[in-house]
PDB file of N, CA and C in Angstrom:
ATOM      1  N   UNK A   1      -7.620 -16.072 -18.725  1.00  0.00           N
ATOM      2  CA  UNK A   1      -6.610 -16.014 -19.732  1.00  0.00           C
ATOM      3  C   UNK A   1      -6.517 -14.601 -20.291  1.00  0.00           C
ATOM      4  N   UNK A   2      -5.318 -14.144 -20.514  1.00  0.00           N
ATOM      5  CA  UNK A   2      -5.136 -12.824 -21.108  1.00  0.00           C
ATOM      6  C   UNK A   2      -5.528 -12.872 -22.573  1.00  0.00           C
ATOM      7  N   UNK A   3      -6.373 -11.950 -23.012  1.00  0.00           N
ATOM      8  CA  UNK A   3      -6.826 -11.964 -24.402  1.00  0.00           C
ATOM      9  C   UNK A   3      -5.682 -11.727 -25.372  1.00  0.00           C
ATOM     10  N   UNK A   4      -4.632 -10.988 -24.948  1.00  0.00           N
ATOM     11  CA  UNK A   4      -3.514 -10.725 -25.842  1.00  0.00           C
ATOM     12  C   UNK A   4      -2.834 -12.021 -26.277  1.00  0.00           C
ATOM     13  N   UNK A   5      -2.861 -13.042 -25.418  1.00  0.00           N
ATOM     14  CA  UNK A   5      -2.117 -14.265 -25.707  1.00  0.00           C
ATOM     15  C   UNK A   5      -2.744 -15.057 -26.850  1.00  0.00           C
ATOM     16  N   UNK A   6      -4.014 -14.854 -27.160  1.00  0.00           N
ATOM     17  CA  UNK A   6      -4.666 -15.604 -28.220  1.00  0.00           C
ATOM     18  C   UNK A   6      -4.904 -14.775 -29.475  1.00  0.00           C
ATOM     19  N   UNK A   7      -4.675 -13.478 -29.405  1.00  0.00           N
ATOM     20  CA  UNK A   7      -4.882 -12.633 -30.579  1.00  0.00           C
ATOM     21  C   UNK A   7      -3.898 -13.026 -31.666  1.00  0.00           C
ATOM     22  N   UNK A   8      -4.364 -12.995 -32.882  1.00  0.00           N
ATOM     23  CA  UNK A   8      -3.480 -13.239 -34.003  1.00  0.00           C
ATOM     24  C   UNK A   8      -3.264 -14.701 -34.349  1.00  0.00           C
ATOM     25  N   UNK A   9      -3.953 -15.613 -33.718  1.00  0.00           N
ATOM     26  CA  UNK A   9      -3.833 -17.026 -34.083  1.00  0.00           C
ATOM     27  C   UNK A   9      -4.391 -17.205 -35.480  1.00  0.00           C
ATOM     28  N   UNK A  10      -3.701 -17.988 -36.281  1.00  0.00           N
ATOM     29  CA  UNK A  10      -4.140 -18.171 -37.663  1.00  0.00           C
ATOM     30  C   UNK A  10      -5.029 -19.392 -37.844  1.00  0.00           C
ATOM     31  N   UNK A  11      -5.226 -20.165 -36.767  1.00  0.00           N
ATOM     32  CA  UNK A  11      -6.069 -21.356 -36.864  1.00  0.00           C
ATOM     33  C   UNK A  11      -6.594 -21.706 -35.474  1.00  0.00           C
ATOM     34  N   UNK A  12      -7.607 -22.566 -35.457  1.00  0.00           N
ATOM     35  CA  UNK A  12      -8.101 -23.056 -34.169  1.00  0.00           C
ATOM     36  C   UNK A  12      -6.991 -23.806 -33.434  1.00  0.00           C
ATOM     37  N   UNK A  13      -6.223 -24.623 -34.156  1.00  0.00           N
ATOM     38  CA  UNK A  13      -5.150 -25.391 -33.524  1.00  0.00           C
ATOM     39  C   UNK A  13      -4.129 -24.470 -32.861  1.00  0.00           C
ATOM     40  N   UNK A  14      -3.757 -23.386 -33.547  1.00  0.00           N
ATOM     41  CA  UNK A  14      -2.803 -22.442 -32.966  1.00  0.00           C
ATOM     42  C   UNK A  14      -3.390 -21.763 -31.718  1.00  0.00           C
ATOM     43  N   UNK A  15      -4.651 -21.363 -31.795  1.00  0.00           N
ATOM     44  CA  UNK A  15      -5.295 -20.725 -30.646  1.00  0.00           C
ATOM     45  C   UNK A  15      -5.340 -21.678 -29.455  1.00  0.00           C
ATOM     46  N   UNK A  16      -5.688 -22.929 -29.708  1.00  0.00           N
ATOM     47  CA  UNK A  16      -5.766 -23.910 -28.623  1.00  0.00           C
ATOM     48  C   UNK A  16      -4.382 -24.209 -28.070  1.00  0.00           C
ATOM     49  N   UNK A  17      -3.388 -24.316 -28.932  1.00  0.00           N
ATOM     50  CA  UNK A  17      -2.014 -24.555 -28.467  1.00  0.00           C
ATOM     51  C   UNK A  17      -1.539 -23.430 -27.559  1.00  0.00           C
ATOM     52  N   UNK A  18      -1.832 -22.186 -27.939  1.00  0.00           N
ATOM     53  CA  UNK A  18      -1.467 -21.041 -27.102  1.00  0.00           C
ATOM     54  C   UNK A  18      -2.200 -21.092 -25.764  1.00  0.00           C
ATOM     55  N   UNK A  19      -3.479 -21.410 -25.803  1.00  0.00           N
ATOM     56  CA  UNK A  19      -4.274 -21.486 -24.566  1.00  0.00           C
ATOM     57  C   UNK A  19      -3.750 -22.591 -23.654  1.00  0.00           C
ATOM     58  N   UNK A  20      -3.414 -23.736 -24.241  1.00  0.00           N
ATOM     59  CA  UNK A  20      -2.917 -24.850 -23.431  1.00  0.00           C
ATOM     60  C   UNK A  20      -1.579 -24.518 -22.780  1.00  0.00           C
ATOM     61  N   UNK A  21      -0.710 -23.840 -23.499  1.00  0.00           N
ATOM     62  CA  UNK A  21       0.570 -23.437 -22.913  1.00  0.00           C
ATOM     63  C   UNK A  21       0.341 -22.491 -21.740  1.00  0.00           C
ATOM     64  N   UNK A  22      -0.593 -21.570 -21.917  1.00  0.00           N
ATOM     65  CA  UNK A  22      -0.860 -20.610 -20.847  1.00  0.00           C
ATOM     66  C   UNK A  22      -1.512 -21.273 -19.641  1.00  0.00           C
ATOM     67  N   UNK A  23      -2.448 -22.181 -19.874  1.00  0.00           N
ATOM     68  CA  UNK A  23      -3.127 -22.809 -18.740  1.00  0.00           C
ATOM     69  C   UNK A  23      -2.152 -23.690 -17.953  1.00  0.00           C
ATOM     70  N   UNK A  24      -1.250 -24.357 -18.641  1.00  0.00           N
ATOM     71  CA  UNK A  24      -0.255 -25.182 -17.934  1.00  0.00           C
ATOM     72  C   UNK A  24       0.651 -24.314 -17.064  1.00  0.00           C
ATOM     73  N   UNK A  25       1.041 -23.161 -17.586  1.00  0.00           N
ATOM     74  CA  UNK A  25       1.852 -22.236 -16.791  1.00  0.00           C
ATOM     75  C   UNK A  25       1.058 -21.739 -15.583  1.00  0.00           C
ATOM     76  N   UNK A  26      -0.193 -21.352 -15.816  1.00  0.00           N
ATOM     77  CA  UNK A  26      -1.048 -20.856 -14.730  1.00  0.00           C
ATOM     78  C   UNK A  26      -1.247 -21.914 -13.651  1.00  0.00           C
ATOM     79  N   UNK A  27      -1.531 -23.144 -14.073  1.00  0.00           N
ATOM     80  CA  UNK A  27      -1.828 -24.198 -13.104  1.00  0.00           C
ATOM     81  C   UNK A  27      -0.614 -24.672 -12.333  1.00  0.00           C
ATOM     82  N   UNK A  28       0.581 -24.358 -12.800  1.00  0.00           N
ATOM     83  CA  UNK A  28       1.776 -24.763 -12.059  1.00  0.00           C
ATOM     84  C   UNK A  28       1.803 -24.124 -10.669  1.00  0.00           C
ATOM     85  N   UNK A  29       1.081 -23.028 -10.489  1.00  0.00           N
ATOM     86  CA  UNK A  29       1.011 -22.366  -9.192  1.00  0.00           C
ATOM     87  C   UNK A  29      -0.289 -22.615  -8.443  1.00  0.00           C
ATOM     88  N   UNK A  30      -1.151 -23.476  -8.959  1.00  0.00           N
ATOM     89  CA  UNK A  30      -2.455 -23.741  -8.347  1.00  0.00           C
ATOM     90  C   UNK A  30      -2.500 -25.158  -7.796  1.00  0.00           C
ATOM     91  N   UNK A  31      -2.356 -25.301  -6.499  1.00  0.00           N
ATOM     92  CA  UNK A  31      -2.384 -26.623  -5.886  1.00  0.00           C
ATOM     93  C   UNK A  31      -3.766 -27.258  -6.033  1.00  0.00           C
ATOM     94  N   UNK A  32      -3.788 -28.507  -6.469  1.00  0.00           N
ATOM     95  CA  UNK A  32      -5.028 -29.258  -6.578  1.00  0.00           C
ATOM     96  C   UNK A  32      -5.793 -29.035  -7.876  1.00  0.00           C
ATOM     97  N   UNK A  33      -5.349 -28.096  -8.705  1.00  0.00           N
ATOM     98  CA  UNK A  33      -6.025 -27.840  -9.976  1.00  0.00           C
ATOM     99  C   UNK A  33      -5.422 -28.748 -11.045  1.00  0.00           C
ATOM    100  N   UNK A  34      -6.266 -29.161 -11.988  1.00  0.00           N
ATOM    101  CA  UNK A  34      -5.834 -30.088 -13.027  1.00  0.00           C
ATOM    102  C   UNK A  34      -6.429 -29.660 -14.368  1.00  0.00           C
ATOM    103  N   UNK A  35      -5.608 -29.635 -15.408  1.00  0.00           N
ATOM    104  CA  UNK A  35      -6.089 -29.364 -16.761  1.00  0.00           C
ATOM    105  C   UNK A  35      -6.554 -30.683 -17.359  1.00  0.00           C
ATOM    106  N   UNK A  36      -7.764 -30.722 -17.885  1.00  0.00           N
ATOM    107  CA  UNK A  36      -8.357 -31.976 -18.358  1.00  0.00           C
ATOM    108  C   UNK A  36      -8.165 -32.203 -19.857  1.00  0.00           C
ATOM    109  N   UNK A  37      -7.214 -31.510 -20.470  1.00  0.00           N
ATOM    110  CA  UNK A  37      -6.948 -31.663 -21.899  1.00  0.00           C
ATOM    111  C   UNK A  37      -8.199 -31.429 -22.737  1.00  0.00           C
ATOM    112  N   UNK A  38      -8.945 -30.407 -22.371  1.00  0.00           N
ATOM    113  CA  UNK A  38     -10.160 -30.032 -23.083  1.00  0.00           C
ATOM    114  C   UNK A  38     -10.145 -28.519 -23.242  1.00  0.00           C
ATOM    115  N   UNK A  39     -10.119 -28.054 -24.472  1.00  0.00           N
ATOM    116  CA  UNK A  39     -10.123 -26.614 -24.738  1.00  0.00           C
ATOM    117  C   UNK A  39     -11.138 -26.332 -25.837  1.00  0.00           C
ATOM    118  N   UNK A  40     -11.693 -25.151 -25.802  1.00  0.00           N
ATOM    119  CA  UNK A  40     -12.642 -24.726 -26.814  1.00  0.00           C
ATOM    120  C   UNK A  40     -12.163 -23.413 -27.416  1.00  0.00           C
ATOM    121  N   UNK A  41     -12.439 -23.218 -28.701  1.00  0.00           N
ATOM    122  CA  UNK A  41     -12.084 -21.973 -29.378  1.00  0.00           C
ATOM    123  C   UNK A  41     -13.265 -21.537 -30.227  1.00  0.00           C
ATOM    124  N   UNK A  42     -13.351 -20.252 -30.426  1.00  0.00           N
ATOM    125  CA  UNK A  42     -14.421 -19.666 -31.235  1.00  0.00           C
ATOM    126  C   UNK A  42     -13.808 -18.579 -32.095  1.00  0.00           C
ATOM    127  N   UNK A  43     -14.116 -18.566 -33.385  1.00  0.00           N
ATOM    128  CA  UNK A  43     -13.563 -17.562 -34.272  1.00  0.00           C
ATOM    129  C   UNK A  43     -14.323 -16.249 -34.106  1.00  0.00           C
ATOM    130  N   UNK A  44     -13.599 -15.208 -33.726  1.00  0.00           N
ATOM    131  CA  UNK A  44     -14.193 -13.888 -33.581  1.00  0.00           C
ATOM    132  C   UNK A  44     -14.237 -13.191 -34.933  1.00  0.00           C
ATOM    133  N   UNK A  45     -15.285 -12.431 -35.174  1.00  0.00           N
ATOM    134  CA  UNK A  45     -15.413 -11.683 -36.420  1.00  0.00           C
ATOM    135  C   UNK A  45     -14.465 -10.486 -36.405  1.00  0.00           C
ATOM    136  N   UNK A  46     -14.360  -9.808 -35.277  1.00  0.00           N
ATOM    137  CA  UNK A  46     -13.494  -8.639 -35.116  1.00  0.00           C
ATOM    138  C   UNK A  46     -12.438  -8.937 -34.070  1.00  0.00           C
ATOM    139  N   UNK A  47     -11.390  -8.099 -34.051  1.00  0.00           N
ATOM    140  CA  UNK A  47     -10.372  -8.230 -33.013  1.00  0.00           C
ATOM    141  C   UNK A  47     -10.981  -7.827 -31.672  1.00  0.00           C
ATOM    142  N   UNK A  48     -10.657  -8.554 -30.605  1.00  0.00           N
ATOM    143  CA  UNK A  48     -11.187  -8.164 -29.293  1.00  0.00           C
ATOM    144  C   UNK A  48     -10.626  -6.806 -28.880  1.00  0.00           C
ATOM    145  N   UNK A  49     -11.475  -6.008 -28.300  1.00  0.00           N
ATOM    146  CA  UNK A  49     -11.077  -4.696 -27.818  1.00  0.00           C
ATOM    147  C   UNK A  49     -11.351  -4.621 -26.330  1.00  0.00           C
ATOM    148  N   UNK A  50     -10.999  -3.524 -25.726  1.00  0.00           N
ATOM    149  CA  UNK A  50     -11.231  -3.337 -24.305  1.00  0.00           C
ATOM    150  C   UNK A  50     -12.688  -3.646 -23.980  1.00  0.00           C
ATOM    151  N   UNK A  51     -12.916  -4.475 -23.003  1.00  0.00           N
ATOM    152  CA  UNK A  51     -14.267  -4.848 -22.596  1.00  0.00           C
ATOM    153  C   UNK A  51     -14.767  -6.129 -23.229  1.00  0.00           C
ATOM    154  N   UNK A  52     -14.002  -6.708 -24.165  1.00  0.00           N
ATOM    155  CA  UNK A  52     -14.418  -7.972 -24.786  1.00  0.00           C
ATOM    156  C   UNK A  52     -14.419  -9.075 -23.726  1.00  0.00           C
ATOM    157  N   UNK A  53     -15.379  -9.959 -23.822  1.00  0.00           N
ATOM    158  CA  UNK A  53     -15.475 -11.045 -22.863  1.00  0.00           C
ATOM    159  C   UNK A  53     -14.726 -12.270 -23.358  1.00  0.00           C
ATOM    160  N   UNK A  54     -13.962 -12.882 -22.464  1.00  0.00           N
ATOM    161  CA  UNK A  54     -13.235 -14.116 -22.742  1.00  0.00           C
ATOM    162  C   UNK A  54     -13.682 -15.122 -21.697  1.00  0.00           C
ATOM    163  N   UNK A  55     -13.950 -16.338 -22.118  1.00  0.00           N
ATOM    164  CA  UNK A  55     -14.502 -17.352 -21.234  1.00  0.00           C
ATOM    165  C   UNK A  55     -13.401 -18.231 -20.660  1.00  0.00           C
ATOM    166  N   UNK A  56     -13.453 -18.426 -19.371  1.00  0.00           N
ATOM    167  CA  UNK A  56     -12.563 -19.340 -18.677  1.00  0.00           C
ATOM    168  C   UNK A  56     -13.341 -19.876 -17.484  1.00  0.00           C
ATOM    169  N   UNK A  57     -13.145 -21.138 -17.144  1.00  0.00           N
ATOM    170  CA  UNK A  57     -13.940 -21.728 -16.075  1.00  0.00           C
ATOM    171  C   UNK A  57     -13.090 -22.656 -15.219  1.00  0.00           C
ATOM    172  N   UNK A  58     -13.207 -22.486 -13.924  1.00  0.00           N
ATOM    173  CA  UNK A  58     -12.629 -23.428 -12.965  1.00  0.00           C
ATOM    174  C   UNK A  58     -13.728 -23.732 -11.961  1.00  0.00           C
ATOM    175  N   UNK A  59     -13.914 -25.014 -11.629  1.00  0.00           N
ATOM    176  CA  UNK A  59     -14.887 -25.348 -10.598  1.00  0.00           C
ATOM    177  C   UNK A  59     -14.407 -26.571  -9.839  1.00  0.00           C
ATOM    178  N   UNK A  60     -14.854 -26.685  -8.618  1.00  0.00           N
ATOM    179  CA  UNK A  60     -14.573 -27.866  -7.806  1.00  0.00           C
ATOM    180  C   UNK A  60     -15.563 -28.951  -8.179  1.00  0.00           C
ATOM    181  N   UNK A  61     -15.085 -30.185  -8.240  1.00  0.00           N
ATOM    182  CA  UNK A  61     -15.969 -31.296  -8.564  1.00  0.00           C
ATOM    183  C   UNK A  61     -15.397 -32.579  -7.983  1.00  0.00           C
ATOM    184  N   UNK A  62     -16.287 -33.460  -7.576  1.00  0.00           N
ATOM    185  CA  UNK A  62     -15.865 -34.782  -7.106  1.00  0.00           C
ATOM    186  C   UNK A  62     -15.926 -35.808  -8.230  1.00  0.00           C
ATOM    187  N   UNK A  63     -16.385 -35.386  -9.415  1.00  0.00           N
ATOM    188  CA  UNK A  63     -16.471 -36.303 -10.548  1.00  0.00           C
ATOM    189  C   UNK A  63     -15.086 -36.626 -11.090  1.00  0.00           C
ATOM    190  N   UNK A  64     -14.925 -37.833 -11.619  1.00  0.00           N
ATOM    191  CA  UNK A  64     -13.706 -38.193 -12.318  1.00  0.00           C
ATOM    192  C   UNK A  64     -13.624 -37.347 -13.592  1.00  0.00           C
ATOM    193  N   UNK A  65     -12.418 -37.049 -14.091  1.00  0.00           N
ATOM    194  CA  UNK A  65     -12.285 -36.160 -15.253  1.00  0.00           C
ATOM    195  C   UNK A  65     -13.167 -36.520 -16.446  1.00  0.00           C
ATOM    196  N   UNK A  66     -13.210 -37.780 -16.880  1.00  0.00           N
ATOM    197  CA  UNK A  66     -14.051 -38.144 -18.027  1.00  0.00           C
ATOM    198  C   UNK A  66     -15.525 -37.901 -17.755  1.00  0.00           C
ATOM    199  N   UNK A  67     -15.972 -38.228 -16.555  1.00  0.00           N
ATOM    200  CA  UNK A  67     -17.377 -38.001 -16.201  1.00  0.00           C
ATOM    201  C   UNK A  67     -17.689 -36.506 -16.104  1.00  0.00           C
ATOM    202  N   UNK A  68     -16.737 -35.742 -15.600  1.00  0.00           N
ATOM    203  CA  UNK A  68     -16.920 -34.297 -15.498  1.00  0.00           C
ATOM    204  C   UNK A  68     -17.126 -33.689 -16.894  1.00  0.00           C
ATOM    205  N   UNK A  69     -16.243 -34.051 -17.837  1.00  0.00           N
ATOM    206  CA  UNK A  69     -16.361 -33.504 -19.186  1.00  0.00           C
ATOM    207  C   UNK A  69     -17.663 -33.913 -19.851  1.00  0.00           C
ATOM    208  N   UNK A  70     -18.065 -35.168 -19.686  1.00  0.00           N
ATOM    209  CA  UNK A  70     -19.328 -35.631 -20.263  1.00  0.00           C
ATOM    210  C   UNK A  70     -20.513 -34.902 -19.637  1.00  0.00           C
ATOM    211  N   UNK A  71     -20.477 -34.726 -18.341  1.00  0.00           N
ATOM    212  CA  UNK A  71     -21.580 -34.076 -17.620  1.00  0.00           C
ATOM    213  C   UNK A  71     -21.775 -32.625 -18.059  1.00  0.00           C
ATOM    214  N   UNK A  72     -20.672 -31.897 -18.243  1.00  0.00           N
ATOM    215  CA  UNK A  72     -20.789 -30.461 -18.448  1.00  0.00           C
ATOM    216  C   UNK A  72     -20.448 -29.967 -19.856  1.00  0.00           C
ATOM    217  N   UNK A  73     -19.657 -30.717 -20.628  1.00  0.00           N
ATOM    218  CA  UNK A  73     -19.163 -30.171 -21.890  1.00  0.00           C
ATOM    219  C   UNK A  73     -19.359 -31.059 -23.104  1.00  0.00           C
ATOM    220  N   UNK A  74     -19.681 -32.293 -22.940  1.00  0.00           N
ATOM    221  CA  UNK A  74     -19.822 -33.203 -24.078  1.00  0.00           C
ATOM    222  C   UNK A  74     -21.054 -34.073 -23.895  1.00  0.00           C
ATOM    223  N   UNK A  75     -22.196 -33.408 -23.865  1.00  0.00           N
ATOM    224  CA  UNK A  75     -23.456 -34.106 -23.599  1.00  0.00           C
ATOM    225  C   UNK A  75     -24.041 -34.759 -24.846  1.00  0.00           C
ATOM    226  N   UNK A  76     -23.451 -34.418 -26.019  1.00  0.00           N
ATOM    227  CA  UNK A  76     -23.958 -34.947 -27.280  1.00  0.00           C
ATOM    228  C   UNK A  76     -24.847 -33.966 -28.016  1.00  0.00           C
ATOM    229  N   UNK A  77     -25.172 -32.842 -27.416  1.00  0.00           N
ATOM    230  CA  UNK A  77     -26.040 -31.857 -28.067  1.00  0.00           C
ATOM    231  C   UNK A  77     -25.282 -30.625 -28.528  1.00  0.00           C
ATOM    232  N   UNK A  78     -23.970 -30.577 -28.296  1.00  0.00           N
ATOM    233  CA  UNK A  78     -23.176 -29.427 -28.671  1.00  0.00           C
ATOM    234  C   UNK A  78     -22.970 -29.379 -30.193  1.00  0.00           C
ATOM    235  N   UNK A  79     -22.866 -28.169 -30.691  1.00  0.00           N
ATOM    236  CA  UNK A  79     -22.514 -27.960 -32.104  1.00  0.00           C
ATOM    237  C   UNK A  79     -21.032 -27.631 -32.117  1.00  0.00           C
ATOM    238  N   UNK A  80     -20.223 -28.674 -32.221  1.00  0.00           N
ATOM    239  CA  UNK A  80     -18.779 -28.476 -32.136  1.00  0.00           C
ATOM    240  C   UNK A  80     -18.056 -29.482 -33.010  1.00  0.00           C
ATOM    241  N   UNK A  81     -16.823 -29.192 -33.278  1.00  0.00           N
ATOM    242  CA  UNK A  81     -15.954 -30.090 -34.033  1.00  0.00           C
ATOM    243  C   UNK A  81     -14.727 -30.369 -33.207  1.00  0.00           C
ATOM    244  N   UNK A  82     -13.782 -31.067 -33.796  1.00  0.00           N
ATOM    245  CA  UNK A  82     -12.547 -31.335 -33.064  1.00  0.00           C
ATOM    246  C   UNK A  82     -11.371 -30.890 -33.919  1.00  0.00           C
ATOM    247  N   UNK A  83     -10.278 -30.595 -33.250  1.00  0.00           N
ATOM    248  CA  UNK A  83      -9.054 -30.129 -33.910  1.00  0.00           C
ATOM    249  C   UNK A  83      -8.016 -31.220 -33.778  1.00  0.00           C
TER     250      UNK A  83
END
């Protein structure tokens, strides 16, 4: 994801909405890829500058979407909230 597309979001919901719009556009050209309606956001203390790291992940899996998310992202030990 381009970091410029998420800069300036005033809330987690806005940041996630921007990310979801971008991922849907990106995936329209990726055969076999599927967005699982799961996004994460983190509030940065400073504005990202050149060299800032942004996290994005795509992997192949034979797991069903719900099992995939539980296996890798919602194990019950995460310190997270929902929007």
